[in-house]
Amino acid sequence: MVDTIINILAAVSLTPTDGVMIVVCTGLMFLLYKILENKVFKPLLEHVEQRESLTTGAAFTATQMRQKTTALKARFDESIFKARVEGSAKRAEIVAAAKEKAAAIVREAENQAAAELAAGRQEIANQISSAKSGAEGAAQDLAKTLASQVDSQLGQAA
């Protein structure tokens, strides 16, 4: 068996010392691994697992917070929409009331203007009637005066 191992080592250009060194180094590597396993690898793996659990927890918390934020934003948007709808309805009510009040004011002004116009027309009709009466009286007086002057002129000429 030793001869077979030496032949295998010779086939790959190694000496028996190299073979012994390979076995010794393999044992030393295994021993170093066992020493480092408890001192370095286990604490490192525990730290990585702890970090991963924290990261996973933080990611889960972030996902929950994102969902809550989305729900709150939806409620906020809905509240804003409702407030806008209510504001528009209230505005429409106020505008309708203002239009109604304006129409009432216009109707009242039209009625007052019509009453003033009727009173003015009546006053003008009265003044025209009075002027006509005065003019007729003055015309009759003038006609009498003219007739008497014509009579007196005719009487003097005859």
Protein backbone atom coordinates (compact mmCIF):
# COMPACT_ATOMS: atom_id res chain seq x y z
CA MET A 1 0.00 0.00 0.00
CA VAL A 2 2.85 2.42 0.79
CA ASP A 3 4.35 1.56 -2.59
CA THR A 4 1.09 2.39 -4.30
CA ILE A 5 0.94 5.75 -2.56
CA ILE A 6 4.58 6.48 -3.50
CA ASN A 7 3.81 5.57 -7.13
CA ILE A 8 0.78 7.87 -7.13
CA LEU A 9 2.88 10.68 -5.67
CA ALA A 10 5.60 10.08 -8.25
CA ALA A 11 2.98 10.15 -11.03
CA VAL A 12 2.03 13.71 -10.04
CA SER A 13 5.67 14.71 -9.45
CA LEU A 14 5.55 14.67 -5.66
CA THR A 15 7.98 13.17 -3.19
CA PRO A 16 7.08 11.09 -0.12
CA THR A 17 7.89 14.15 2.00
CA ASP A 18 5.31 16.09 -0.01
CA GLY A 19 2.76 13.34 0.72
CA VAL A 20 3.52 13.52 4.45
CA MET A 21 3.23 17.32 4.31
CA ILE A 22 -0.14 17.04 2.58
CA VAL A 23 -1.42 14.76 5.37
CA VAL A 24 0.08 16.94 8.12
CA CYS A 25 -1.25 20.19 6.55
CA THR A 26 -4.69 18.62 6.14
CA GLY A 27 -4.66 17.69 9.85
CA LEU A 28 -3.47 21.18 10.78
CA MET A 29 -6.20 22.75 8.61
CA PHE A 30 -8.80 20.56 10.31
CA LEU A 31 -7.42 21.53 13.74
CA LEU A 32 -7.36 25.23 12.76
CA TYR A 33 -10.94 24.93 11.47
CA LYS A 34 -12.08 23.39 14.79
CA ILE A 35 -10.35 26.13 16.79
CA LEU A 36 -11.72 28.91 14.59
CA GLU A 37 -15.16 27.32 14.47
CA ASN A 38 -15.83 28.14 18.13
CA LYS A 39 -13.89 31.40 18.20
CA VAL A 40 -14.80 32.98 14.83
CA PHE A 41 -17.29 31.06 12.68
CA LYS A 42 -20.03 30.41 15.25
CA PRO A 43 -20.06 34.03 16.57
CA LEU A 44 -19.95 35.30 12.98
CA LEU A 45 -22.84 33.05 11.91
CA GLU A 46 -24.81 34.02 15.03
CA HIS A 47 -24.19 37.68 14.26
CA VAL A 48 -25.29 37.22 10.63
CA GLU A 49 -28.42 35.34 11.72
CA GLN A 50 -29.20 38.00 14.33
CA ARG A 51 -28.69 40.74 11.74
CA GLU A 52 -30.85 38.91 9.24
CA SER A 53 -33.63 38.47 11.81
CA LEU A 54 -33.44 42.19 12.62
CA THR A 55 -33.43 43.06 8.92
CA THR A 56 -36.37 40.76 8.26
CA GLY A 57 -38.21 42.26 11.24
CA ALA A 58 -37.41 45.76 10.08
CA ALA A 59 -38.58 44.90 6.57
CA PHE A 60 -41.80 43.46 7.98
CA THR A 61 -42.29 46.55 10.14
CA ALA A 62 -41.60 48.77 7.14
CA THR A 63 -44.14 46.83 5.09
CA GLN A 64 -46.73 47.24 7.85
CA MET A 65 -45.97 50.94 8.12
CA ARG A 66 -46.25 51.29 4.33
CA GLN A 67 -49.65 49.59 4.43
CA LYS A 68 -50.81 51.82 7.30
CA THR A 69 -49.54 54.88 5.43
CA THR A 70 -51.39 53.82 2.31
CA ALA A 71 -54.58 53.31 4.32
CA LEU A 72 -54.18 56.69 6.04
CA LYS A 73 -53.52 58.40 2.71
CA ALA A 74 -56.65 56.79 1.26
CA ARG A 75 -58.68 58.00 4.27
CA PHE A 76 -57.12 61.46 3.93
CA ASP A 77 -57.92 61.59 0.20
CA GLU A 78 -61.47 60.44 0.92
CA SER A 79 -61.85 63.11 3.62
CA ILE A 80 -60.53 65.78 1.27
CA PHE A 81 -62.94 64.61 -1.45
CA LYS A 82 -65.89 64.67 0.97
CA ALA A 83 -64.89 68.15 2.18
CA ARG A 84 -64.68 69.37 -1.42
CA VAL A 85 -68.09 67.89 -2.22
CA GLU A 86 -69.60 69.46 0.90
CA GLY A 87 -67.90 72.77 0.09
CA SER A 88 -69.24 72.68 -3.46
CA ALA A 89 -72.75 71.89 -2.20
CA LYS A 90 -72.54 74.69 0.37
CA ARG A 91 -71.24 77.08 -2.29
CA ALA A 92 -74.09 76.11 -4.60
CA GLU A 93 -76.57 76.76 -1.77
CA ILE A 94 -75.04 80.16 -1.04
CA VAL A 95 -74.98 81.10 -4.73
CA ALA A 96 -78.62 80.00 -5.14
CA ALA A 97 -79.65 82.04 -2.08
CA ALA A 98 -77.71 85.05 -3.36
CA LYS A 99 -79.34 84.73 -6.80
CA GLU A 100 -82.75 84.46 -5.18
CA LYS A 101 -82.06 87.52 -3.03
CA ALA A 102 -80.76 89.43 -6.07
CA ALA A 103 -83.86 88.47 -8.06
CA ALA A 104 -86.07 89.70 -5.20
CA ILE A 105 -84.16 92.97 -5.04
CA VAL A 106 -84.47 93.38 -8.82
CA ARG A 107 -88.22 92.63 -8.68
CA GLU A 108 -88.65 95.16 -5.89
CA ALA A 109 -86.65 97.76 -7.82
CA GLU A 110 -88.69 97.06 -10.97
CA ASN A 111 -91.93 97.44 -8.99
CA GLN A 112 -90.70 100.70 -7.46
CA ALA A 113 -89.58 101.95 -10.87
CA ALA A 114 -92.95 100.99 -12.39
CA ALA A 115 -94.76 102.78 -9.55
CA GLU A 116 -92.59 105.88 -9.96
CA LEU A 117 -93.10 105.76 -13.73
CA ALA A 118 -96.88 105.49 -13.30
CA ALA A 119 -96.83 108.37 -10.81
CA GLY A 120 -94.66 110.41 -13.18
CA ARG A 121 -96.99 109.69 -16.10
CA GLN A 122 -99.97 110.67 -13.98
CA GLU A 123 -98.23 113.88 -12.97
CA ILE A 124 -97.36 114.63 -16.61
CA ALA A 125 -100.95 113.88 -17.67
CA ASN A 126 -102.20 116.22 -14.94
CA GLN A 127 -99.76 118.93 -16.02
CA ILE A 128 -100.77 118.47 -19.69
CA SER A 129 -104.44 118.64 -18.76
CA SER A 130 -103.85 121.72 -16.65
CA ALA A 131 -101.73 123.30 -19.42
CA LYS A 132 -104.47 122.53 -21.95
CA SER A 133 -107.09 124.11 -19.70
CA GLY A 134 -104.88 127.13 -19.15
CA ALA A 135 -104.08 127.37 -22.86
CA GLU A 136 -107.78 127.10 -23.80
CA GLY A 137 -108.69 129.81 -21.29
CA ALA A 138 -105.84 132.01 -22.52
CA ALA A 139 -106.85 131.34 -26.14
CA GLN A 140 -110.47 132.31 -25.34
CA ASP A 141 -109.29 135.45 -23.53
CA LEU A 142 -107.02 136.29 -26.45
CA ALA A 143 -109.84 135.60 -28.90
CA LYS A 144 -112.17 137.88 -26.88
CA THR A 145 -109.50 140.55 -26.73
CA LEU A 146 -108.85 140.28 -30.45
CA ALA A 147 -112.56 140.22 -31.22
CA SER A 148 -113.12 143.32 -29.09
CA GLN A 149 -110.18 145.08 -30.74
CA VAL A 150 -111.46 144.09 -34.18
CA ASP A 151 -114.97 145.32 -33.17
CA SER A 152 -113.54 148.56 -31.84
CA GLN A 153 -111.47 149.02 -35.00
CA LEU A 154 -114.51 148.28 -37.14
CA GLY A 155 -116.66 150.60 -35.00
CA GLN A 156 -114.18 153.40 -35.43
CA ALA A 157 -113.89 152.86 -39.12
CA ALA A 158 -117.67 152.94 -39.66
